Amino acid sequence: MGRKVRKTLNIDAAKLKRVRAYLGLDTETDVIDRMLEDYDFERELSRLLKRAPRSLRTLRSPLTSPAG
């Protein structure tokens, strides 16, 4: 895990609140950390699927770009 830094972000407050409630997380920072972790997972999954049989390569995620 990298070091923590303070950032100022312009984020849709309603969307952040919905995601926080949906995930059952305590803080907005937890939401952002979780989304970044999910992105890392999705990117690794995409990398692994590129080496998988063609029949498994149809999985797509909104968190990663087609280029991966």
N, C-alpha and C. Protein backbone atom coordinates (compact mmCIF):
# COMPACT_ATOMS: atom_id res chain seq x y z
N MET A 1 0.85 -1.18 0.00
CA MET A 1 0.00 0.00 0.00
C MET A 1 0.89 1.23 0.00
N GLY A 2 0.50 2.22 -0.77
CA GLY A 2 1.25 3.47 -0.83
C GLY A 2 0.95 4.36 0.36
N ARG A 3 1.69 5.44 0.42
CA ARG A 3 1.48 6.37 1.53
C ARG A 3 0.20 7.16 1.32
N LYS A 4 -0.37 7.61 2.40
CA LYS A 4 -1.60 8.40 2.35
C LYS A 4 -1.25 9.87 2.13
N VAL A 5 -2.02 10.54 1.29
CA VAL A 5 -1.85 11.97 1.04
C VAL A 5 -3.21 12.65 1.10
N ARG A 6 -3.21 13.90 1.46
CA ARG A 6 -4.44 14.68 1.51
C ARG A 6 -4.69 15.26 0.12
N LYS A 7 -5.94 15.11 -0.37
CA LYS A 7 -6.31 15.61 -1.69
C LYS A 7 -7.62 16.37 -1.58
N THR A 8 -7.81 17.33 -2.45
CA THR A 8 -9.08 18.02 -2.59
C THR A 8 -9.69 17.56 -3.89
N LEU A 9 -10.91 17.01 -3.81
CA LEU A 9 -11.56 16.46 -4.99
C LEU A 9 -12.94 17.06 -5.17
N ASN A 10 -13.36 17.21 -6.40
CA ASN A 10 -14.72 17.63 -6.72
C ASN A 10 -15.49 16.38 -7.10
N ILE A 11 -16.33 15.91 -6.17
CA ILE A 11 -17.05 14.65 -6.35
C ILE A 11 -18.54 14.90 -6.14
N ASP A 12 -19.35 14.23 -6.93
CA ASP A 12 -20.80 14.31 -6.80
C ASP A 12 -21.18 13.79 -5.41
N ALA A 13 -21.65 14.68 -4.53
CA ALA A 13 -21.93 14.34 -3.14
C ALA A 13 -23.05 13.29 -3.02
N ALA A 14 -24.07 13.40 -3.85
CA ALA A 14 -25.18 12.44 -3.79
C ALA A 14 -24.70 11.04 -4.19
N LYS A 15 -23.89 10.98 -5.23
CA LYS A 15 -23.36 9.69 -5.68
C LYS A 15 -22.48 9.08 -4.60
N LEU A 16 -21.64 9.87 -3.99
CA LEU A 16 -20.76 9.39 -2.93
C LEU A 16 -21.58 8.87 -1.75
N LYS A 17 -22.63 9.58 -1.41
CA LYS A 17 -23.50 9.17 -0.30
C LYS A 17 -24.19 7.85 -0.61
N ARG A 18 -24.69 7.69 -1.86
CA ARG A 18 -25.34 6.44 -2.25
C ARG A 18 -24.38 5.26 -2.18
N VAL A 19 -23.18 5.45 -2.69
CA VAL A 19 -22.19 4.36 -2.70
C VAL A 19 -21.78 4.01 -1.27
N ARG A 20 -21.60 5.03 -0.46
CA ARG A 20 -21.24 4.80 0.95
C ARG A 20 -22.31 3.97 1.66
N ALA A 21 -23.58 4.31 1.45
CA ALA A 21 -24.68 3.55 2.06
C ALA A 21 -24.74 2.14 1.49
N TYR A 22 -24.60 2.01 0.18
CA TYR A 22 -24.67 0.70 -0.47
C TYR A 22 -23.58 -0.23 0.04
N LEU A 23 -22.38 0.28 0.18
CA LEU A 23 -21.25 -0.54 0.63
C LEU A 23 -21.19 -0.67 2.15
N GLY A 24 -21.97 0.14 2.85
CA GLY A 24 -21.97 0.07 4.31
C GLY A 24 -20.66 0.53 4.93
N LEU A 25 -20.05 1.53 4.32
CA LEU A 25 -18.76 2.03 4.80
C LEU A 25 -18.95 3.22 5.72
N ASP A 26 -17.96 3.47 6.57
CA ASP A 26 -18.06 4.51 7.59
C ASP A 26 -17.76 5.92 7.08
N THR A 27 -16.79 6.03 6.17
CA THR A 27 -16.35 7.36 5.75
C THR A 27 -16.29 7.47 4.23
N GLU A 28 -16.25 8.70 3.75
CA GLU A 28 -16.09 8.93 2.32
C GLU A 28 -14.71 8.47 1.85
N THR A 29 -13.72 8.60 2.71
CA THR A 29 -12.37 8.12 2.38
C THR A 29 -12.40 6.61 2.16
N ASP A 30 -13.16 5.90 3.00
CA ASP A 30 -13.29 4.45 2.83
C ASP A 30 -13.89 4.11 1.46
N VAL A 31 -14.87 4.90 1.03
CA VAL A 31 -15.50 4.68 -0.27
C VAL A 31 -14.46 4.82 -1.39
N ILE A 32 -13.70 5.90 -1.35
CA ILE A 32 -12.71 6.13 -2.41
C ILE A 32 -11.63 5.06 -2.38
N ASP A 33 -11.15 4.69 -1.19
CA ASP A 33 -10.16 3.62 -1.09
C ASP A 33 -10.70 2.31 -1.66
N ARG A 34 -11.95 2.01 -1.34
CA ARG A 34 -12.57 0.77 -1.84
C ARG A 34 -12.67 0.78 -3.35
N MET A 35 -13.06 1.91 -3.92
CA MET A 35 -13.18 1.99 -5.37
C MET A 35 -11.82 1.85 -6.05
N LEU A 36 -10.79 2.42 -5.45
CA LEU A 36 -9.44 2.28 -6.01
C LEU A 36 -8.95 0.83 -5.91
N GLU A 37 -9.25 0.17 -4.79
CA GLU A 37 -8.89 -1.24 -4.65
C GLU A 37 -9.65 -2.09 -5.67
N ASP A 38 -10.93 -1.79 -5.86
CA ASP A 38 -11.72 -2.52 -6.84
C ASP A 38 -11.16 -2.33 -8.25
N TYR A 39 -10.73 -1.13 -8.56
CA TYR A 39 -10.13 -0.87 -9.87
C TYR A 39 -8.88 -1.73 -10.05
N ASP A 40 -8.02 -1.76 -9.02
CA ASP A 40 -6.81 -2.58 -9.12
C ASP A 40 -7.15 -4.05 -9.35
N PHE A 41 -8.17 -4.55 -8.64
CA PHE A 41 -8.60 -5.93 -8.81
C PHE A 41 -9.11 -6.16 -10.23
N GLU A 42 -9.96 -5.27 -10.71
CA GLU A 42 -10.53 -5.41 -12.05
C GLU A 42 -9.43 -5.37 -13.13
N ARG A 43 -8.45 -4.51 -12.92
CA ARG A 43 -7.36 -4.42 -13.90
C ARG A 43 -6.55 -5.71 -13.92
N GLU A 44 -6.27 -6.29 -12.76
CA GLU A 44 -5.55 -7.55 -12.70
C GLU A 44 -6.38 -8.67 -13.32
N LEU A 45 -7.68 -8.68 -13.04
CA LEU A 45 -8.56 -9.68 -13.64
C LEU A 45 -8.55 -9.56 -15.16
N SER A 46 -8.61 -8.35 -15.66
CA SER A 46 -8.56 -8.12 -17.10
C SER A 46 -7.26 -8.64 -17.70
N ARG A 47 -6.15 -8.38 -17.00
CA ARG A 47 -4.85 -8.86 -17.47
C ARG A 47 -4.83 -10.39 -17.54
N LEU A 48 -5.36 -11.04 -16.53
CA LEU A 48 -5.40 -12.50 -16.51
C LEU A 48 -6.31 -13.06 -17.59
N LEU A 49 -7.45 -12.40 -17.82
CA LEU A 49 -8.38 -12.88 -18.83
C LEU A 49 -7.80 -12.79 -20.24
N LYS A 50 -6.89 -11.85 -20.46
CA LYS A 50 -6.26 -11.75 -21.78
C LYS A 50 -5.46 -13.00 -22.11
N ARG A 51 -5.03 -13.73 -21.07
CA ARG A 51 -4.26 -14.96 -21.28
C ARG A 51 -5.15 -16.19 -21.21
N ALA A 52 -6.44 -16.00 -20.92
CA ALA A 52 -7.39 -17.10 -20.78
C ALA A 52 -7.89 -17.54 -22.15
N PRO A 53 -8.56 -18.70 -22.21
CA PRO A 53 -9.16 -19.14 -23.47
C PRO A 53 -10.13 -18.10 -24.00
N ARG A 54 -10.26 -18.05 -25.30
CA ARG A 54 -11.10 -17.04 -25.96
C ARG A 54 -12.52 -17.03 -25.41
N SER A 55 -13.06 -18.17 -25.05
CA SER A 55 -14.44 -18.23 -24.56
C SER A 55 -14.64 -17.45 -23.26
N LEU A 56 -13.58 -17.17 -22.51
CA LEU A 56 -13.68 -16.42 -21.27
C LEU A 56 -13.37 -14.94 -21.44
N ARG A 57 -12.99 -14.53 -22.62
CA ARG A 57 -12.56 -13.14 -22.84
C ARG A 57 -13.69 -12.16 -23.05
N THR A 58 -14.93 -12.56 -22.87
CA THR A 58 -16.05 -11.65 -23.09
C THR A 58 -16.38 -10.83 -21.85
N LEU A 59 -15.79 -11.14 -20.70
CA LEU A 59 -16.05 -10.39 -19.47
C LEU A 59 -15.55 -8.95 -19.63
N ARG A 60 -16.42 -7.99 -19.31
CA ARG A 60 -16.06 -6.58 -19.38
C ARG A 60 -16.45 -5.92 -18.07
N SER A 61 -15.69 -4.94 -17.66
CA SER A 61 -15.98 -4.21 -16.45
C SER A 61 -16.04 -2.72 -16.75
N PRO A 62 -16.95 -1.98 -16.10
CA PRO A 62 -17.00 -0.54 -16.30
C PRO A 62 -15.84 0.17 -15.61
N LEU A 63 -15.07 -0.54 -14.77
CA LEU A 63 -13.97 0.09 -14.05
C LEU A 63 -12.67 0.14 -14.86
N THR A 64 -12.56 -0.69 -15.87
CA THR A 64 -11.32 -0.70 -16.65
C THR A 64 -11.61 -0.38 -18.10
N SER A 65 -10.65 0.20 -18.76
CA SER A 65 -10.79 0.51 -20.18
C SER A 65 -10.51 -0.74 -20.99
N PRO A 66 -10.97 -0.80 -22.23
CA PRO A 66 -10.70 -1.96 -23.07
C PRO A 66 -9.20 -2.24 -23.24
N ALA A 67 -8.37 -1.20 -23.21
CA ALA A 67 -6.92 -1.38 -23.36
C ALA A 67 -6.32 -1.98 -22.10
N GLY A 68 -7.03 -1.88 -20.95
CA GLY A 68 -6.58 -2.45 -19.69
C GLY A 68 -5.42 -1.70 -19.16
